[in-house]
C-alpha atoms as a PDB file:
ATOM      1  CA  MET A   1      45.518  -7.507 -16.835  1.00  0.00           C
ATOM      2  CA  ILE A   2      42.746  -6.387 -14.523  1.00  0.00           C
ATOM      3  CA  ARG A   3      43.768  -5.688 -10.946  1.00  0.00           C
ATOM      4  CA  GLU A   4      43.086  -3.570  -7.911  1.00  0.00           C
ATOM      5  CA  ILE A   5      45.232  -0.545  -7.200  1.00  0.00           C
ATOM      6  CA  GLY A   6      44.252   1.005  -3.899  1.00  0.00           C
ATOM      7  CA  ASP A   7      40.483   1.461  -3.952  1.00  0.00           C
ATOM      8  CA  HIS A   8      40.209   1.184  -7.747  1.00  0.00           C
ATOM      9  CA  VAL A   9      40.088  -1.612 -10.274  1.00  0.00           C
ATOM     10  CA  VAL A  10      42.179  -0.883 -13.363  1.00  0.00           C
ATOM     11  CA  TYR A  11      42.973  -2.501 -16.695  1.00  0.00           C
ATOM     12  CA  GLU A  12      46.574  -2.382 -17.826  1.00  0.00           C
ATOM     13  CA  ASP A  13      47.760  -3.388 -21.277  1.00  0.00           C
ATOM     14  CA  SER A  14      51.443  -3.173 -22.125  1.00  0.00           C
ATOM     15  CA  ARG A  15      50.634  -3.036 -25.850  1.00  0.00           C
ATOM     16  CA  ARG A  16      48.715   0.236 -25.596  1.00  0.00           C
ATOM     17  CA  VAL A  17      49.707   3.712 -24.544  1.00  0.00           C
ATOM     18  CA  GLY A  18      47.463   5.534 -22.097  1.00  0.00           C
ATOM     19  CA  TYR A  19      46.615   2.663 -19.802  1.00  0.00           C
ATOM     20  CA  PRO A  20      45.728   1.900 -16.981  1.00  0.00           C
ATOM     21  CA  VAL A  21      42.010   2.468 -17.473  1.00  0.00           C
ATOM     22  CA  ASP A  22      39.653   3.216 -14.596  1.00  0.00           C
ATOM     23  CA  MET A  23      37.309   0.237 -14.775  1.00  0.00           C
ATOM     24  CA  GLU A  24      34.593   1.790 -12.600  1.00  0.00           C
ATOM     25  CA  ALA A  25      34.176   4.649 -15.074  1.00  0.00           C
ATOM     26  CA  LEU A  26      34.303   2.224 -17.978  1.00  0.00           C
ATOM     27  CA  ALA A  27      31.587   0.081 -16.352  1.00  0.00           C
ATOM     28  CA  LYS A  28      29.242   3.092 -16.438  1.00  0.00           C
ATOM     29  CA  GLU A  29      30.175   3.835 -20.045  1.00  0.00           C
ATOM     30  CA  ALA A  30      29.470   0.198 -20.964  1.00  0.00           C
ATOM     31  CA  ASN A  31      26.063   0.509 -19.282  1.00  0.00           C
ATOM     32  CA  TYR A  32      27.066  -2.426 -17.058  1.00  0.00           C
ATOM     33  CA  ARG A  33      27.081  -4.863 -19.997  1.00  0.00           C
ATOM     34  CA  VAL A  34      29.854  -7.448 -20.372  1.00  0.00           C
ATOM     35  CA  ASP A  35      29.783  -7.452 -24.174  1.00  0.00           C
ATOM     36  CA  ARG A  36      30.047  -3.655 -24.319  1.00  0.00           C
ATOM     37  CA  LEU A  37      32.860  -3.631 -21.739  1.00  0.00           C
ATOM     38  CA  GLY A  38      34.786  -6.113 -23.878  1.00  0.00           C
ATOM     39  CA  GLU A  39      34.259  -3.920 -26.951  1.00  0.00           C
ATOM     40  CA  LEU A  40      35.483  -0.808 -25.151  1.00  0.00           C
ATOM     41  CA  LEU A  41      38.618  -2.635 -24.008  1.00  0.00           C
ATOM     42  CA  GLY A  42      39.152  -4.382 -27.338  1.00  0.00           C
ATOM     43  CA  LEU A  43      38.973  -7.803 -25.691  1.00  0.00           C
ATOM     44  CA  SER A  44      36.999 -10.914 -26.523  1.00  0.00           C
ATOM     45  CA  SER A  45      34.460 -12.003 -23.928  1.00  0.00           C
ATOM     46  CA  ARG A  46      36.600 -15.045 -23.095  1.00  0.00           C
ATOM     47  CA  THR A  47      39.746 -12.957 -22.577  1.00  0.00           C
ATOM     48  CA  LEU A  48      37.804 -10.464 -20.473  1.00  0.00           C
ATOM     49  CA  GLN A  49      36.464 -13.286 -18.324  1.00  0.00           C
ATOM     50  CA  ARG A  50      39.937 -14.780 -17.918  1.00  0.00           C
ATOM     51  CA  TYR A  51      41.392 -11.413 -16.879  1.00  0.00           C
ATOM     52  CA  PHE A  52      38.669 -10.856 -14.298  1.00  0.00           C
ATOM     53  CA  ILE A  53      38.919 -14.318 -12.796  1.00  0.00           C
ATOM     54  CA  THR A  54      42.703 -14.139 -12.655  1.00  0.00           C
ATOM     55  CA  GLY A  55      42.823 -10.576 -11.354  1.00  0.00           C
ATOM     56  CA  LEU A  56      39.793 -10.276  -9.081  1.00  0.00           C
ATOM     57  CA  GLY A  57      38.513 -13.790  -8.574  1.00  0.00           C
ATOM     58  CA  VAL A  58      35.065 -13.008 -10.012  1.00  0.00           C
ATOM     59  CA  LYS A  59      33.426 -13.090 -13.420  1.00  0.00           C
ATOM     60  CA  PRO A  60      32.936  -9.754 -15.189  1.00  0.00           C
ATOM     61  CA  LYS A  61      29.135 -10.023 -15.052  1.00  0.00           C
ATOM     62  CA  TYR A  62      29.155 -10.287 -11.265  1.00  0.00           C
ATOM     63  CA  TRP A  63      31.618  -7.400 -10.952  1.00  0.00           C
ATOM     64  CA  LEU A  64      29.468  -5.232 -13.242  1.00  0.00           C
ATOM     65  CA  ARG A  65      26.356  -6.051 -11.211  1.00  0.00           C
ATOM     66  CA  GLU A  66      28.181  -4.978  -8.069  1.00  0.00           C
ATOM     67  CA  GLN A  67      29.351  -1.734  -9.723  1.00  0.00           C
ATOM     68  CA  ARG A  68      25.764  -1.023 -10.777  1.00  0.00           C
ATOM     69  CA  MET A  69      24.608  -1.410  -7.174  1.00  0.00           C
ATOM     70  CA  ARG A  70      27.404   0.829  -5.886  1.00  0.00           C
ATOM     71  CA  ASN A  71      26.363   3.498  -8.376  1.00  0.00           C
ATOM     72  CA  LEU A  72      22.681   3.087  -7.436  1.00  0.00           C
ATOM     73  CA  TYR A  73      23.507   3.516  -3.766  1.00  0.00           C
ATOM     74  CA  GLN A  74      25.645   6.577  -4.522  1.00  0.00           C
ATOM     75  CA  LEU A  75      22.852   8.197  -6.532  1.00  0.00           C
ATOM     76  CA  LEU A  76      20.341   7.542  -3.751  1.00  0.00           C
ATOM     77  CA  SER A  77      22.682   8.976  -1.136  1.00  0.00           C
ATOM     78  CA  GLU A  78      23.015  12.117  -3.304  1.00  0.00           C
ATOM     79  CA  GLY A  79      19.264  12.646  -2.965  1.00  0.00           C
ATOM     80  CA  ARG A  80      18.001  11.132  -6.227  1.00  0.00           C
ATOM     81  CA  THR A  81      14.604   9.435  -6.215  1.00  0.00           C
ATOM     82  CA  LEU A  82      14.472   5.661  -6.460  1.00  0.00           C
ATOM     83  CA  ASP A  83      12.987   5.827  -9.975  1.00  0.00           C
ATOM     84  CA  GLU A  84      15.585   8.312 -11.198  1.00  0.00           C
ATOM     85  CA  ALA A  85      18.531   6.414  -9.703  1.00  0.00           C
ATOM     86  CA  ALA A  86      17.285   3.081 -11.054  1.00  0.00           C
ATOM     87  CA  ALA A  87      16.827   4.533 -14.547  1.00  0.00           C
ATOM     88  CA  ARG A  88      20.336   6.038 -14.520  1.00  0.00           C
ATOM     89  CA  VAL A  89      21.902   2.646 -13.810  1.00  0.00           C
ATOM     90  CA  GLY A  90      19.744   0.838 -16.362  1.00  0.00           C
ATOM     91  CA  LEU A  91      17.245  -0.825 -14.014  1.00  0.00           C
ATOM     92  CA  GLN A  92      14.020   0.681 -15.339  1.00  0.00           C
ATOM     93  CA  ARG A  93      11.924  -2.435 -14.700  1.00  0.00           C
ATOM     94  CA  TYR A  94      10.983  -2.841 -11.055  1.00  0.00           C
ATOM     95  CA  ASP A  95      11.427  -6.617 -11.053  1.00  0.00           C
ATOM     96  CA  TYR A  96      15.077  -6.272 -12.144  1.00  0.00           C
ATOM     97  CA  LEU A  97      15.688  -3.558  -9.578  1.00  0.00           C
ATOM     98  CA  ALA A  98      14.072  -5.619  -6.813  1.00  0.00           C
ATOM     99  CA  ARG A  99      16.079  -8.731  -7.743  1.00  0.00           C
ATOM    100  CA  GLU A 100      19.399  -6.874  -7.717  1.00  0.00           C
ATOM    101  CA  VAL A 101      18.745  -5.015  -4.462  1.00  0.00           C
ATOM    102  CA  GLN A 102      17.550  -8.221  -2.791  1.00  0.00           C
ATOM    103  CA  PHE A 103      20.613 -10.132  -3.999  1.00  0.00           C
ATOM    104  CA  PHE A 104      23.204  -7.589  -2.859  1.00  0.00           C
ATOM    105  CA  GLU A 105      21.506  -5.904   0.097  1.00  0.00           C
ATOM    106  CA  GLY A 106      18.901  -8.408   1.273  1.00  0.00           C
ATOM    107  CA  ILE A 107      16.157  -5.758   1.402  1.00  0.00           C
ATOM    108  CA  THR A 108      13.551  -4.223  -0.911  1.00  0.00           C
ATOM    109  CA  PRO A 109      14.334  -1.184  -3.076  1.00  0.00           C
ATOM    110  CA  GLU A 110      12.036   0.932  -0.903  1.00  0.00           C
ATOM    111  CA  GLU A 111      13.935  -0.100   2.238  1.00  0.00           C
ATOM    112  CA  LEU A 112      17.203   0.788   0.501  1.00  0.00           C
ATOM    113  CA  PHE A 113      15.775   4.193  -0.423  1.00  0.00           C
ATOM    114  CA  LEU A 114      14.637   4.833   3.148  1.00  0.00           C
ATOM    115  CA  GLU A 115      18.018   3.682   4.487  1.00  0.00           C
ATOM    116  CA  THR A 116      19.932   6.101   2.262  1.00  0.00           C
ATOM    117  CA  GLU A 117      17.428   8.897   2.922  1.00  0.00           C
ATOM    118  CA  SER A 118      17.778   8.484   6.691  1.00  0.00           C
ATOM    119  CA  LYS A 119      21.571   8.763   6.429  1.00  0.00           C
ATOM    120  CA  GLY A 120      21.157  12.202   4.872  1.00  0.00           C
ATOM    121  CA  GLU A 121      22.720  13.845   1.856  1.00  0.00           C
ATOM    122  CA  GLY A 122      26.416  13.459   1.268  1.00  0.00           C
ATOM    123  CA  SER A 123      26.745  10.136   3.014  1.00  0.00           C
ATOM    124  CA  SER A 124      27.791   7.203   0.922  1.00  0.00           C
ATOM    125  CA  LYS A 125      28.610   3.559   1.150  1.00  0.00           C
ATOM    126  CA  GLU A 126      31.843   4.148  -0.746  1.00  0.00           C
ATOM    127  CA  GLY A 127      34.742   2.227   0.664  1.00  0.00           C
ATOM    128  CA  SER A 128      32.624  -0.247   2.577  1.00  0.00           C
ATOM    129  CA  SER A 129      31.652  -3.701   1.438  1.00  0.00           C
ATOM    130  CA  LEU A 130      28.188  -4.425   0.194  1.00  0.00           C
ATOM    131  CA  ASN A 131      26.171  -6.576   2.591  1.00  0.00           C
ATOM    132  CA  HIS A 132      26.158  -9.616   0.339  1.00  0.00           C
ATOM    133  CA  PRO A 133      28.680 -12.220   1.535  1.00  0.00           C
ATOM    134  CA  ARG A 134      30.051 -12.706  -1.975  1.00  0.00           C
ATOM    135  CA  SER A 135      31.061  -9.090  -2.539  1.00  0.00           C
ATOM    136  CA  VAL A 136      34.418  -8.528  -4.199  1.00  0.00           C
ATOM    137  CA  GLU A 137      36.005  -7.209  -0.997  1.00  0.00           C
ATOM    138  CA  THR A 138      35.308 -10.456   0.829  1.00  0.00           C
ATOM    139  CA  MET A 139      36.535 -12.569  -2.075  1.00  0.00           C
ATOM    140  CA  VAL A 140      39.783 -10.755  -2.827  1.00  0.00           C
ATOM    141  CA  SER A 141      42.294 -10.275  -0.065  1.00  0.00           C
ATOM    142  CA  PRO A 142      45.600  -8.484  -0.634  1.00  0.00           C
ATOM    143  CA  SER A 143      48.759 -10.509  -0.849  1.00  0.00           C
ATOM    144  CA  PRO A 144      50.969  -9.995   2.205  1.00  0.00           C
ATOM    145  CA  GLY A 145      53.246  -7.003   1.824  1.00  0.00           C
ATOM    146  CA  THR A 146      52.174  -6.038  -1.706  1.00  0.00           C
ATOM    147  CA  GLY A 147      49.164  -3.802  -1.125  1.00  0.00           C
ATOM    148  CA  SER A 148      47.367  -5.369  -4.089  1.00  0.00           C
ATOM    149  CA  ALA A 149      45.331  -8.489  -4.697  1.00  0.00           C
ATOM    150  CA  PHE A 150      48.097 -10.261  -6.640  1.00  0.00           C
END
């Protein structure tokens, strides 16, 4: 099952020892690819999709896109150049980078770079929702009294 625990998304499997798995770290390891994420978890793409929809209310591809943008923003806020940050999250082609930034932030990559640069080093968007109205935080609200989304 995939679910939120505090500020983190985790995968828990009662059949395996050593879980839960930090999904944010696994997203980076999978290079933000759904098929690779499924391989790393030992799940079929259909099972992975079912777990995400049940647990978070979004498809794994959307969640991975959002994680990629969070990582891009973090790298920019650490002082990386736009080219370096984009390459590290697998967005080497400018048209892909521009499409993703426009979708989630509603601005150009250059505007995003200037925004993070003006906030100074060490600042981050961590913990806040992305600007896009369909971000995971706006789609998943905790159940009353449980502290988790389920």
